[in-house]
Each structure stands twice: as structure tokens, then as C-alpha cells.
Amino acid sequence: MKLSIGGSVHDPTDSVGRLLFNVLAMVAEFEADLIRARTREGMQVAKAAGRLRGEQPKLSTVQEKHLVEVYQRGNHTTAQIAELFSVARSRVYRAIKRAGDTAV
């Protein structure tokens, strides 16, 4: 592998080529660090302004309570409950676990 810059070819096996490749790698790493720092700063500003809230719950607390009640009655399977509430079965299991039911 060789790098051609401005008409001159640099081989990574000789000393000048190694120096050039190391400098380019350091610049790329520095740029990536700057991007990460700016992203973290932007997320902190958005969080302070109340615009960074994360994923919103699929079910309200009332819906989740009703889901657990339907499950505890025992007339429906978890798949049927998931279809009834338009959520995944894993969300049904999590709601039941949060409600303290260990029969899952």
C-alpha cells in the first residue's frame, strides 16, 4: 500500500512514510475526539433545555395497569395481550414484572 499526495508517493515501510502515516492517524483521531466532545456538549445543552427526553413509553400508566389486570385474569395469552395493546410480547413481560407478578 502506498499513499500519493501532490505527485509524491509515500511508502509506509520507509521512515518518512511511517512519519506521514502516523501524523495522518493522529489528525484523524484528534478530529474524532472533537466530534465526540461537540456531540456530548450538544446533548447536555439539549437536555438542559428539555429537548432530550429519550424514548417515550409505549403505554400510559393506566394502559399498563389494565394490561396487568387482563393478564392476571388468566383468560388471554401474552401474545393475545400484546396484540390487543399493539405492543411486543417483551413489553407485556416487562409490565407484568414491574407490577410485581412473578408468575411469568
PDB file of N, CA and C in Angstrom:
ATOM      1  N   MET A   1       0.852  -1.161   0.000  1.00  0.00           N
ATOM      2  CA  MET A   1       0.000   0.000   0.000  1.00  0.00           C
ATOM      3  C   MET A   1       0.904   1.232   0.000  1.00  0.00           C
ATOM      4  N   LYS A   2       0.576   2.184  -0.820  1.00  0.00           N
ATOM      5  CA  LYS A   2       1.328   3.435  -0.892  1.00  0.00           C
ATOM      6  C   LYS A   2       0.354   4.597  -0.968  1.00  0.00           C
ATOM      7  N   LEU A   3       0.809   5.755  -0.489  1.00  0.00           N
ATOM      8  CA  LEU A   3      -0.022   6.944  -0.463  1.00  0.00           C
ATOM      9  C   LEU A   3       0.583   7.982  -1.389  1.00  0.00           C
ATOM     10  N   SER A   4      -0.237   8.518  -2.268  1.00  0.00           N
ATOM     11  CA  SER A   4       0.221   9.536  -3.207  1.00  0.00           C
ATOM     12  C   SER A   4      -0.403  10.874  -2.838  1.00  0.00           C
ATOM     13  N   ILE A   5       0.464  11.839  -2.496  1.00  0.00           N
ATOM     14  CA  ILE A   5      -0.008  13.172  -2.140  1.00  0.00           C
ATOM     15  C   ILE A   5       0.778  14.192  -2.961  1.00  0.00           C
ATOM     16  N   GLY A   6       0.065  14.964  -3.751  1.00  0.00           N
ATOM     17  CA  GLY A   6       0.695  16.033  -4.527  1.00  0.00           C
ATOM     18  C   GLY A   6       1.775  15.548  -5.471  1.00  0.00           C
ATOM     19  N   GLY A   7       1.607  14.381  -6.038  1.00  0.00           N
ATOM     20  CA  GLY A   7       2.567  13.879  -7.001  1.00  0.00           C
ATOM     21  C   GLY A   7       3.687  13.064  -6.389  1.00  0.00           C
ATOM     22  N   SER A   8       3.885  13.129  -5.079  1.00  0.00           N
ATOM     23  CA  SER A   8       4.928  12.305  -4.456  1.00  0.00           C
ATOM     24  C   SER A   8       4.281  11.081  -3.814  1.00  0.00           C
ATOM     25  N   VAL A   9       4.957   9.954  -3.929  1.00  0.00           N
ATOM     26  CA  VAL A   9       4.444   8.693  -3.416  1.00  0.00           C
ATOM     27  C   VAL A   9       5.166   8.371  -2.119  1.00  0.00           C
ATOM     28  N   HIS A  10       4.383   8.047  -1.075  1.00  0.00           N
ATOM     29  CA  HIS A  10       4.954   7.740   0.237  1.00  0.00           C
ATOM     30  C   HIS A  10       4.685   6.285   0.574  1.00  0.00           C
ATOM     31  N   ASP A  11       5.740   5.573   0.901  1.00  0.00           N
ATOM     32  CA  ASP A  11       5.670   4.163   1.254  1.00  0.00           C
ATOM     33  C   ASP A  11       5.686   4.025   2.774  1.00  0.00           C
ATOM     34  N   PRO A  12       4.713   3.313   3.362  1.00  0.00           N
ATOM     35  CA  PRO A  12       4.668   3.216   4.825  1.00  0.00           C
ATOM     36  C   PRO A  12       5.803   2.383   5.426  1.00  0.00           C
ATOM     37  N   THR A  13       6.618   1.760   4.586  1.00  0.00           N
ATOM     38  CA  THR A  13       7.718   0.956   5.122  1.00  0.00           C
ATOM     39  C   THR A  13       8.985   1.776   5.348  1.00  0.00           C
ATOM     40  N   ASP A  14       9.106   2.945   4.730  1.00  0.00           N
ATOM     41  CA  ASP A  14      10.299   3.762   4.992  1.00  0.00           C
ATOM     42  C   ASP A  14       9.997   4.786   6.096  1.00  0.00           C
ATOM     43  N   SER A  15      11.012   5.439   6.603  1.00  0.00           N
ATOM     44  CA  SER A  15      10.861   6.310   7.771  1.00  0.00           C
ATOM     45  C   SER A  15       9.970   7.522   7.491  1.00  0.00           C
ATOM     46  N   VAL A  16      10.112   8.149   6.338  1.00  0.00           N
ATOM     47  CA  VAL A  16       9.287   9.319   6.010  1.00  0.00           C
ATOM     48  C   VAL A  16       7.822   8.902   5.840  1.00  0.00           C
ATOM     49  N   GLY A  17       7.589   7.783   5.213  1.00  0.00           N
ATOM     50  CA  GLY A  17       6.223   7.282   5.030  1.00  0.00           C
ATOM     51  C   GLY A  17       5.560   6.953   6.358  1.00  0.00           C
ATOM     52  N   ARG A  18       6.311   6.312   7.272  1.00  0.00           N
ATOM     53  CA  ARG A  18       5.765   5.999   8.599  1.00  0.00           C
ATOM     54  C   ARG A  18       5.408   7.271   9.351  1.00  0.00           C
ATOM     55  N   LEU A  19       6.287   8.275   9.264  1.00  0.00           N
ATOM     56  CA  LEU A  19       6.019   9.553   9.918  1.00  0.00           C
ATOM     57  C   LEU A  19       4.735  10.171   9.371  1.00  0.00           C
ATOM     58  N   LEU A  20       4.598  10.186   8.065  1.00  0.00           N
ATOM     59  CA  LEU A  20       3.418  10.775   7.437  1.00  0.00           C
ATOM     60  C   LEU A  20       2.141  10.031   7.840  1.00  0.00           C
ATOM     61  N   PHE A  21       2.190   8.692   7.815  1.00  0.00           N
ATOM     62  CA  PHE A  21       1.010   7.911   8.188  1.00  0.00           C
ATOM     63  C   PHE A  21       0.653   8.141   9.656  1.00  0.00           C
ATOM     64  N   ASN A  22       1.657   8.224  10.539  1.00  0.00           N
ATOM     65  CA  ASN A  22       1.384   8.474  11.951  1.00  0.00           C
ATOM     66  C   ASN A  22       0.781   9.858  12.169  1.00  0.00           C
ATOM     67  N   VAL A  23       1.258  10.851  11.458  1.00  0.00           N
ATOM     68  CA  VAL A  23       0.704  12.202  11.575  1.00  0.00           C
ATOM     69  C   VAL A  23      -0.742  12.220  11.096  1.00  0.00           C
ATOM     70  N   LEU A  24      -1.006  11.564   9.979  1.00  0.00           N
ATOM     71  CA  LEU A  24      -2.380  11.500   9.462  1.00  0.00           C
ATOM     72  C   LEU A  24      -3.297  10.774  10.444  1.00  0.00           C
ATOM     73  N   ALA A  25      -2.806   9.701  11.057  1.00  0.00           N
ATOM     74  CA  ALA A  25      -3.618   8.962  12.037  1.00  0.00           C
ATOM     75  C   ALA A  25      -3.901   9.832  13.260  1.00  0.00           C
ATOM     76  N   MET A  26      -2.904  10.609  13.716  1.00  0.00           N
ATOM     77  CA  MET A  26      -3.116  11.480  14.876  1.00  0.00           C
ATOM     78  C   MET A  26      -4.135  12.570  14.567  1.00  0.00           C
ATOM     79  N   VAL A  27      -4.078  13.128  13.366  1.00  0.00           N
ATOM     80  CA  VAL A  27      -5.042  14.163  12.978  1.00  0.00           C
ATOM     81  C   VAL A  27      -6.449  13.575  12.920  1.00  0.00           C
ATOM     82  N   ALA A  28      -6.577  12.377  12.378  1.00  0.00           N
ATOM     83  CA  ALA A  28      -7.894  11.731  12.301  1.00  0.00           C
ATOM     84  C   ALA A  28      -8.436  11.442  13.696  1.00  0.00           C
ATOM     85  N   GLU A  29      -7.584  10.974  14.600  1.00  0.00           N
ATOM     86  CA  GLU A  29      -8.021  10.699  15.969  1.00  0.00           C
ATOM     87  C   GLU A  29      -8.417  11.985  16.691  1.00  0.00           C
ATOM     88  N   PHE A  30      -7.650  13.062  16.472  1.00  0.00           N
ATOM     89  CA  PHE A  30      -7.978  14.354  17.065  1.00  0.00           C
ATOM     90  C   PHE A  30      -9.332  14.847  16.581  1.00  0.00           C
ATOM     91  N   GLU A  31      -9.575  14.713  15.283  1.00  0.00           N
ATOM     92  CA  GLU A  31     -10.854  15.141  14.710  1.00  0.00           C
ATOM     93  C   GLU A  31     -12.016  14.326  15.282  1.00  0.00           C
ATOM     94  N   ALA A  32     -11.830  13.024  15.448  1.00  0.00           N
ATOM     95  CA  ALA A  32     -12.876  12.180  16.029  1.00  0.00           C
ATOM     96  C   ALA A  32     -13.153  12.587  17.474  1.00  0.00           C
ATOM     97  N   ASP A  33     -12.100  12.917  18.230  1.00  0.00           N
ATOM     98  CA  ASP A  33     -12.290  13.378  19.612  1.00  0.00           C
ATOM     99  C   ASP A  33     -13.065  14.688  19.666  1.00  0.00           C
ATOM    100  N   LEU A  34     -12.773  15.596  18.736  1.00  0.00           N
ATOM    101  CA  LEU A  34     -13.507  16.860  18.680  1.00  0.00           C
ATOM    102  C   LEU A  34     -14.988  16.623  18.397  1.00  0.00           C
ATOM    103  N   ILE A  35     -15.274  15.731  17.476  1.00  0.00           N
ATOM    104  CA  ILE A  35     -16.665  15.429  17.136  1.00  0.00           C
ATOM    105  C   ILE A  35     -17.390  14.850  18.345  1.00  0.00           C
ATOM    106  N   ARG A  36     -16.737  13.915  19.067  1.00  0.00           N
ATOM    107  CA  ARG A  36     -17.358  13.331  20.262  1.00  0.00           C
ATOM    108  C   ARG A  36     -17.617  14.399  21.320  1.00  0.00           C
ATOM    109  N   ALA A  37     -16.648  15.293  21.520  1.00  0.00           N
ATOM    110  CA  ALA A  37     -16.808  16.349  22.529  1.00  0.00           C
ATOM    111  C   ALA A  37     -17.952  17.283  22.158  1.00  0.00           C
ATOM    112  N   ARG A  38     -18.049  17.650  20.896  1.00  0.00           N
ATOM    113  CA  ARG A  38     -19.136  18.537  20.454  1.00  0.00           C
ATOM    114  C   ARG A  38     -20.495  17.853  20.601  1.00  0.00           C
ATOM    115  N   THR A  39     -20.544  16.555  20.306  1.00  0.00           N
ATOM    116  CA  THR A  39     -21.794  15.820  20.435  1.00  0.00           C
ATOM    117  C   THR A  39     -22.237  15.778  21.887  1.00  0.00           C
ATOM    118  N   ARG A  40     -21.299  15.455  22.801  1.00  0.00           N
ATOM    119  CA  ARG A  40     -21.646  15.433  24.230  1.00  0.00           C
ATOM    120  C   ARG A  40     -22.111  16.803  24.703  1.00  0.00           C
ATOM    121  N   GLU A  41     -21.423  17.852  24.254  1.00  0.00           N
ATOM    122  CA  GLU A  41     -21.804  19.217  24.643  1.00  0.00           C
ATOM    123  C   GLU A  41     -23.203  19.556  24.134  1.00  0.00           C
ATOM    124  N   GLY A  42     -23.482  19.202  22.891  1.00  0.00           N
ATOM    125  CA  GLY A  42     -24.804  19.459  22.324  1.00  0.00           C
ATOM    126  C   GLY A  42     -25.906  18.701  23.043  1.00  0.00           C
ATOM    127  N   MET A  43     -25.610  17.463  23.444  1.00  0.00           N
ATOM    128  CA  MET A  43     -26.609  16.678  24.172  1.00  0.00           C
ATOM    129  C   MET A  43     -26.859  17.277  25.553  1.00  0.00           C
ATOM    130  N   GLN A  44     -25.821  17.796  26.211  1.00  0.00           N
ATOM    131  CA  GLN A  44     -26.009  18.438  27.515  1.00  0.00           C
ATOM    132  C   GLN A  44     -26.858  19.695  27.391  1.00  0.00           C
ATOM    133  N   VAL A  45     -26.614  20.479  26.350  1.00  0.00           N
ATOM    134  CA  VAL A  45     -27.406  21.697  26.123  1.00  0.00           C
ATOM    135  C   VAL A  45     -28.862  21.329  25.850  1.00  0.00           C
ATOM    136  N   ALA A  46     -29.082  20.309  25.012  1.00  0.00           N
ATOM    137  CA  ALA A  46     -30.454  19.890  24.697  1.00  0.00           C
ATOM    138  C   ALA A  46     -31.154  19.340  25.942  1.00  0.00           C
ATOM    139  N   LYS A  47     -30.423  18.582  26.758  1.00  0.00           N
ATOM    140  CA  LYS A  47     -31.019  18.036  27.978  1.00  0.00           C
ATOM    141  C   LYS A  47     -31.389  19.149  28.946  1.00  0.00           C
ATOM    142  N   ALA A  48     -30.517  20.161  29.077  1.00  0.00           N
ATOM    143  CA  ALA A  48     -30.801  21.289  29.968  1.00  0.00           C
ATOM    144  C   ALA A  48     -32.012  22.079  29.486  1.00  0.00           C
ATOM    145  N   ALA A  49     -32.212  22.126  28.166  1.00  0.00           N
ATOM    146  CA  ALA A  49     -33.346  22.850  27.606  1.00  0.00           C
ATOM    147  C   ALA A  49     -34.615  21.990  27.559  1.00  0.00           C
ATOM    148  N   GLY A  50     -34.501  20.715  27.967  1.00  0.00           N
ATOM    149  CA  GLY A  50     -35.671  19.842  27.992  1.00  0.00           C
ATOM    150  C   GLY A  50     -36.030  19.244  26.651  1.00  0.00           C
ATOM    151  N   ARG A  51     -35.113  19.243  25.701  1.00  0.00           N
ATOM    152  CA  ARG A  51     -35.413  18.700  24.372  1.00  0.00           C
ATOM    153  C   ARG A  51     -34.903  17.278  24.190  1.00  0.00           C
ATOM    154  N   LEU A  52     -34.119  16.766  25.129  1.00  0.00           N
ATOM    155  CA  LEU A  52     -33.574  15.417  25.017  1.00  0.00           C
ATOM    156  C   LEU A  52     -34.265  14.547  26.062  1.00  0.00           C
ATOM    157  N   ARG A  53     -35.276  13.808  25.627  1.00  0.00           N
ATOM    158  CA  ARG A  53     -36.088  13.060  26.588  1.00  0.00           C
ATOM    159  C   ARG A  53     -35.939  11.562  26.450  1.00  0.00           C
ATOM    160  N   GLY A  54     -35.340  11.070  25.415  1.00  0.00           N
ATOM    161  CA  GLY A  54     -35.227   9.628  25.226  1.00  0.00           C
ATOM    162  C   GLY A  54     -36.508   9.043  24.650  1.00  0.00           C
ATOM    163  N   GLU A  55     -36.581   7.728  24.671  1.00  0.00           N
ATOM    164  CA  GLU A  55     -37.739   7.043  24.101  1.00  0.00           C
ATOM    165  C   GLU A  55     -38.962   7.219  25.001  1.00  0.00           C
ATOM    166  N   GLN A  56     -40.067   7.549  24.391  1.00  0.00           N
ATOM    167  CA  GLN A  56     -41.311   7.745  25.123  1.00  0.00           C
ATOM    168  C   GLN A  56     -41.965   6.389  25.386  1.00  0.00           C
ATOM    169  N   PRO A  57     -42.664   6.238  26.520  1.00  0.00           N
ATOM    170  CA  PRO A  57     -43.301   4.958  26.826  1.00  0.00           C
ATOM    171  C   PRO A  57     -44.382   4.605  25.810  1.00  0.00           C
ATOM    172  N   LYS A  58     -44.468   3.313  25.493  1.00  0.00           N
ATOM    173  CA  LYS A  58     -45.483   2.851  24.529  1.00  0.00           C
ATOM    174  C   LYS A  58     -46.875   2.832  25.154  1.00  0.00           C
ATOM    175  N   LEU A  59     -46.917   2.580  26.451  1.00  0.00           N
ATOM    176  CA  LEU A  59     -48.201   2.507  27.155  1.00  0.00           C
ATOM    177  C   LEU A  59     -48.216   3.524  28.286  1.00  0.00           C
ATOM    178  N   SER A  60     -49.370   4.127  28.498  1.00  0.00           N
ATOM    179  CA  SER A  60     -49.513   5.023  29.647  1.00  0.00           C
ATOM    180  C   SER A  60     -49.605   4.167  30.908  1.00  0.00           C
ATOM    181  N   THR A  61     -49.526   4.791  32.052  1.00  0.00           N
ATOM    182  CA  THR A  61     -49.617   4.034  33.313  1.00  0.00           C
ATOM    183  C   THR A  61     -50.982   3.360  33.452  1.00  0.00           C
ATOM    184  N   VAL A  62     -52.018   4.033  32.980  1.00  0.00           N
ATOM    185  CA  VAL A  62     -53.368   3.452  33.035  1.00  0.00           C
ATOM    186  C   VAL A  62     -53.440   2.224  32.126  1.00  0.00           C
ATOM    187  N   GLN A  63     -52.887   2.340  30.915  1.00  0.00           N
ATOM    188  CA  GLN A  63     -52.897   1.213  29.988  1.00  0.00           C
ATOM    189  C   GLN A  63     -52.093   0.038  30.538  1.00  0.00           C
ATOM    190  N   GLU A  64     -50.949   0.348  31.149  1.00  0.00           N
ATOM    191  CA  GLU A  64     -50.107  -0.709  31.697  1.00  0.00           C
ATOM    192  C   GLU A  64     -50.815  -1.425  32.851  1.00  0.00           C
ATOM    193  N   LYS A  65     -51.510  -0.670  33.681  1.00  0.00           N
ATOM    194  CA  LYS A  65     -52.266  -1.255  34.786  1.00  0.00           C
ATOM    195  C   LYS A  65     -53.371  -2.164  34.242  1.00  0.00           C
ATOM    196  N   HIS A  66     -54.058  -1.720  33.194  1.00  0.00           N
ATOM    197  CA  HIS A  66     -55.112  -2.523  32.580  1.00  0.00           C
ATOM    198  C   HIS A  66     -54.523  -3.790  31.962  1.00  0.00           C
ATOM    199  N   LEU A  67     -53.366  -3.674  31.333  1.00  0.00           N
ATOM    200  CA  LEU A  67     -52.691  -4.826  30.746  1.00  0.00           C
ATOM    201  C   LEU A  67     -52.409  -5.878  31.816  1.00  0.00           C
ATOM    202  N   VAL A  68     -51.913  -5.450  32.955  1.00  0.00           N
ATOM    203  CA  VAL A  68     -51.603  -6.382  34.052  1.00  0.00           C
ATOM    204  C   VAL A  68     -52.885  -7.029  34.574  1.00  0.00           C
ATOM    205  N   GLU A  69     -53.951  -6.251  34.672  1.00  0.00           N
ATOM    206  CA  GLU A  69     -55.225  -6.803  35.125  1.00  0.00           C
ATOM    207  C   GLU A  69     -55.733  -7.878  34.169  1.00  0.00           C
ATOM    208  N   VAL A  70     -55.621  -7.615  32.869  1.00  0.00           N
ATOM    209  CA  VAL A  70     -56.054  -8.591  31.863  1.00  0.00           C
ATOM    210  C   VAL A  70     -55.213  -9.859  31.991  1.00  0.00           C
ATOM    211  N   TYR A  71     -53.915  -9.696  32.202  1.00  0.00           N
ATOM    212  CA  TYR A  71     -53.038 -10.854  32.352  1.00  0.00           C
ATOM    213  C   TYR A  71     -53.397 -11.661  33.601  1.00  0.00           C
ATOM    214  N   GLN A  72     -53.667 -10.971  34.697  1.00  0.00           N
ATOM    215  CA  GLN A  72     -53.950 -11.649  35.967  1.00  0.00           C
ATOM    216  C   GLN A  72     -55.273 -12.403  35.946  1.00  0.00           C
ATOM    217  N   ARG A  73     -56.186 -11.974  35.086  1.00  0.00           N
ATOM    218  CA  ARG A  73     -57.448 -12.714  34.962  1.00  0.00           C
ATOM    219  C   ARG A  73     -57.204 -14.103  34.377  1.00  0.00           C
ATOM    220  N   GLY A  74     -56.168 -14.232  33.543  1.00  0.00           N
ATOM    221  CA  GLY A  74     -55.785 -15.534  33.004  1.00  0.00           C
ATOM    222  C   GLY A  74     -56.567 -16.002  31.809  1.00  0.00           C
ATOM    223  N   ASN A  75     -57.358 -15.148  31.191  1.00  0.00           N
ATOM    224  CA  ASN A  75     -58.169 -15.554  30.039  1.00  0.00           C
ATOM    225  C   ASN A  75     -57.433 -15.424  28.711  1.00  0.00           C
ATOM    226  N   HIS A  76     -56.304 -14.725  28.696  1.00  0.00           N
ATOM    227  CA  HIS A  76     -55.598 -14.466  27.439  1.00  0.00           C
ATOM    228  C   HIS A  76     -54.128 -14.829  27.588  1.00  0.00           C
ATOM    229  N   THR A  77     -53.523 -15.232  26.477  1.00  0.00           N
ATOM    230  CA  THR A  77     -52.085 -15.487  26.463  1.00  0.00           C
ATOM    231  C   THR A  77     -51.349 -14.159  26.337  1.00  0.00           C
ATOM    232  N   THR A  78     -50.060 -14.190  26.596  1.00  0.00           N
ATOM    233  CA  THR A  78     -49.276 -12.954  26.465  1.00  0.00           C
ATOM    234  C   THR A  78     -49.265 -12.471  25.018  1.00  0.00           C
ATOM    235  N   ALA A  79     -49.282 -13.394  24.060  1.00  0.00           N
ATOM    236  CA  ALA A  79     -49.323 -12.994  22.650  1.00  0.00           C
ATOM    237  C   ALA A  79     -50.628 -12.275  22.324  1.00  0.00           C
ATOM    238  N   GLN A  80     -51.732 -12.773  22.868  1.00  0.00           N
ATOM    239  CA  GLN A  80     -53.029 -12.129  22.635  1.00  0.00           C
ATOM    240  C   GLN A  80     -53.069 -10.751  23.295  1.00  0.00           C
ATOM    241  N   ILE A  81     -52.511 -10.654  24.500  1.00  0.00           N
ATOM    242  CA  ILE A  81     -52.482  -9.359  25.189  1.00  0.00           C
ATOM    243  C   ILE A  81     -51.617  -8.370  24.406  1.00  0.00           C
ATOM    244  N   ALA A  82     -50.488  -8.841  23.900  1.00  0.00           N
ATOM    245  CA  ALA A  82     -49.604  -7.971  23.119  1.00  0.00           C
ATOM    246  C   ALA A  82     -50.321  -7.457  21.874  1.00  0.00           C
ATOM    247  N   GLU A  83     -51.067  -8.328  21.222  1.00  0.00           N
ATOM    248  CA  GLU A  83     -51.815  -7.920  20.032  1.00  0.00           C
ATOM    249  C   GLU A  83     -52.937  -6.945  20.404  1.00  0.00           C
ATOM    250  N   LEU A  84     -53.597  -7.201  21.513  1.00  0.00           N
ATOM    251  CA  LEU A  84     -54.690  -6.347  21.977  1.00  0.00           C
ATOM    252  C   LEU A  84     -54.201  -4.919  22.251  1.00  0.00           C
ATOM    253  N   PHE A  85     -53.010  -4.799  22.856  1.00  0.00           N
ATOM    254  CA  PHE A  85     -52.474  -3.482  23.207  1.00  0.00           C
ATOM    255  C   PHE A  85     -51.504  -2.932  22.152  1.00  0.00           C
ATOM    256  N   SER A  86     -51.303  -3.664  21.064  1.00  0.00           N
ATOM    257  CA  SER A  86     -50.402  -3.261  19.963  1.00  0.00           C
ATOM    258  C   SER A  86     -48.977  -3.008  20.441  1.00  0.00           C
ATOM    259  N   VAL A  87     -48.468  -3.945  21.224  1.00  0.00           N
ATOM    260  CA  VAL A  87     -47.082  -3.882  21.694  1.00  0.00           C
ATOM    261  C   VAL A  87     -46.447  -5.255  21.506  1.00  0.00           C
ATOM    262  N   ALA A  88     -45.135  -5.319  21.709  1.00  0.00           N
ATOM    263  CA  ALA A  88     -44.427  -6.588  21.622  1.00  0.00           C
ATOM    264  C   ALA A  88     -44.640  -7.394  22.908  1.00  0.00           C
ATOM    265  N   ARG A  89     -44.479  -8.711  22.801  1.00  0.00           N
ATOM    266  CA  ARG A  89     -44.634  -9.560  23.984  1.00  0.00           C
ATOM    267  C   ARG A  89     -43.631  -9.195  25.069  1.00  0.00           C
ATOM    268  N   SER A  90     -42.437  -8.781  24.676  1.00  0.00           N
ATOM    269  CA  SER A  90     -41.431  -8.407  25.676  1.00  0.00           C
ATOM    270  C   SER A  90     -41.918  -7.243  26.533  1.00  0.00           C
ATOM    271  N   ARG A  91     -42.670  -6.330  25.935  1.00  0.00           N
ATOM    272  CA  ARG A  91     -43.210  -5.206  26.701  1.00  0.00           C
ATOM    273  C   ARG A  91     -44.282  -5.695  27.684  1.00  0.00           C
ATOM    274  N   VAL A  92     -45.036  -6.693  27.288  1.00  0.00           N
ATOM    275  CA  VAL A  92     -46.027  -7.280  28.196  1.00  0.00           C
ATOM    276  C   VAL A  92     -45.309  -7.899  29.389  1.00  0.00           C
ATOM    277  N   TYR A  93     -44.257  -8.659  29.126  1.00  0.00           N
ATOM    278  CA  TYR A  93     -43.495  -9.290  30.209  1.00  0.00           C
ATOM    279  C   TYR A  93     -42.892  -8.246  31.153  1.00  0.00           C
ATOM    280  N   ARG A  94     -42.380  -7.159  30.591  1.00  0.00           N
ATOM    281  CA  ARG A  94     -41.796  -6.098  31.432  1.00  0.00           C
ATOM    282  C   ARG A  94     -42.862  -5.438  32.298  1.00  0.00           C
ATOM    283  N   ALA A  95     -44.034  -5.206  31.740  1.00  0.00           N
ATOM    284  CA  ALA A  95     -45.124  -4.585  32.512  1.00  0.00           C
ATOM    285  C   ALA A  95     -45.540  -5.498  33.666  1.00  0.00           C
ATOM    286  N   ILE A  96     -45.622  -6.784  33.389  1.00  0.00           N
ATOM    287  CA  ILE A  96     -46.001  -7.737  34.429  1.00  0.00           C
ATOM    288  C   ILE A  96     -44.923  -7.784  35.510  1.00  0.00           C
ATOM    289  N   LYS A  97     -43.681  -7.783  35.091  1.00  0.00           N
ATOM    290  CA  LYS A  97     -42.573  -7.800  36.059  1.00  0.00           C
ATOM    291  C   LYS A  97     -42.575  -6.548  36.924  1.00  0.00           C
ATOM    292  N   ARG A  98     -42.814  -5.404  36.301  1.00  0.00           N
ATOM    293  CA  ARG A  98     -42.880  -4.145  37.074  1.00  0.00           C
ATOM    294  C   ARG A  98     -44.010  -4.168  38.079  1.00  0.00           C
ATOM    295  N   ALA A  99     -45.097  -4.849  37.720  1.00  0.00           N
ATOM    296  CA  ALA A  99     -46.252  -4.924  38.630  1.00  0.00           C
ATOM    297  C   ALA A  99     -45.996  -5.877  39.788  1.00  0.00           C
ATOM    298  N   GLY A 100     -44.897  -6.618  39.725  1.00  0.00           N
ATOM    299  CA  GLY A 100     -44.548  -7.496  40.824  1.00  0.00           C
ATOM    300  C   GLY A 100     -45.100  -8.898  40.713  1.00  0.00           C
ATOM    301  N   ASP A 101     -45.626  -9.257  39.552  1.00  0.00           N
ATOM    302  CA  ASP A 101     -46.148 -10.600  39.350  1.00  0.00           C
ATOM    303  C   ASP A 101     -45.000 -11.502  38.931  1.00  0.00           C
ATOM    304  N   THR A 102     -44.705 -12.542  39.711  1.00  0.00           N
ATOM    305  CA  THR A 102     -43.591 -13.434  39.409  1.00  0.00           C
ATOM    306  C   THR A 102     -44.049 -14.711  38.718  1.00  0.00           C
ATOM    307  N   ALA A 103     -45.297 -14.771  38.280  1.00  0.00           N
ATOM    308  CA  ALA A 103     -45.822 -15.982  37.658  1.00  0.00           C
ATOM    309  C   ALA A 103     -45.431 -16.095  36.198  1.00  0.00           C
ATOM    310  N   VAL A 104     -44.646 -15.169  35.681  1.00  0.00           N
ATOM    311  CA  VAL A 104     -44.263 -15.214  34.259  1.00  0.00           C
ATOM    312  C   VAL A 104     -43.244 -16.284  34.032  1.00  0.00           C
TER     313      VAL A 104
END
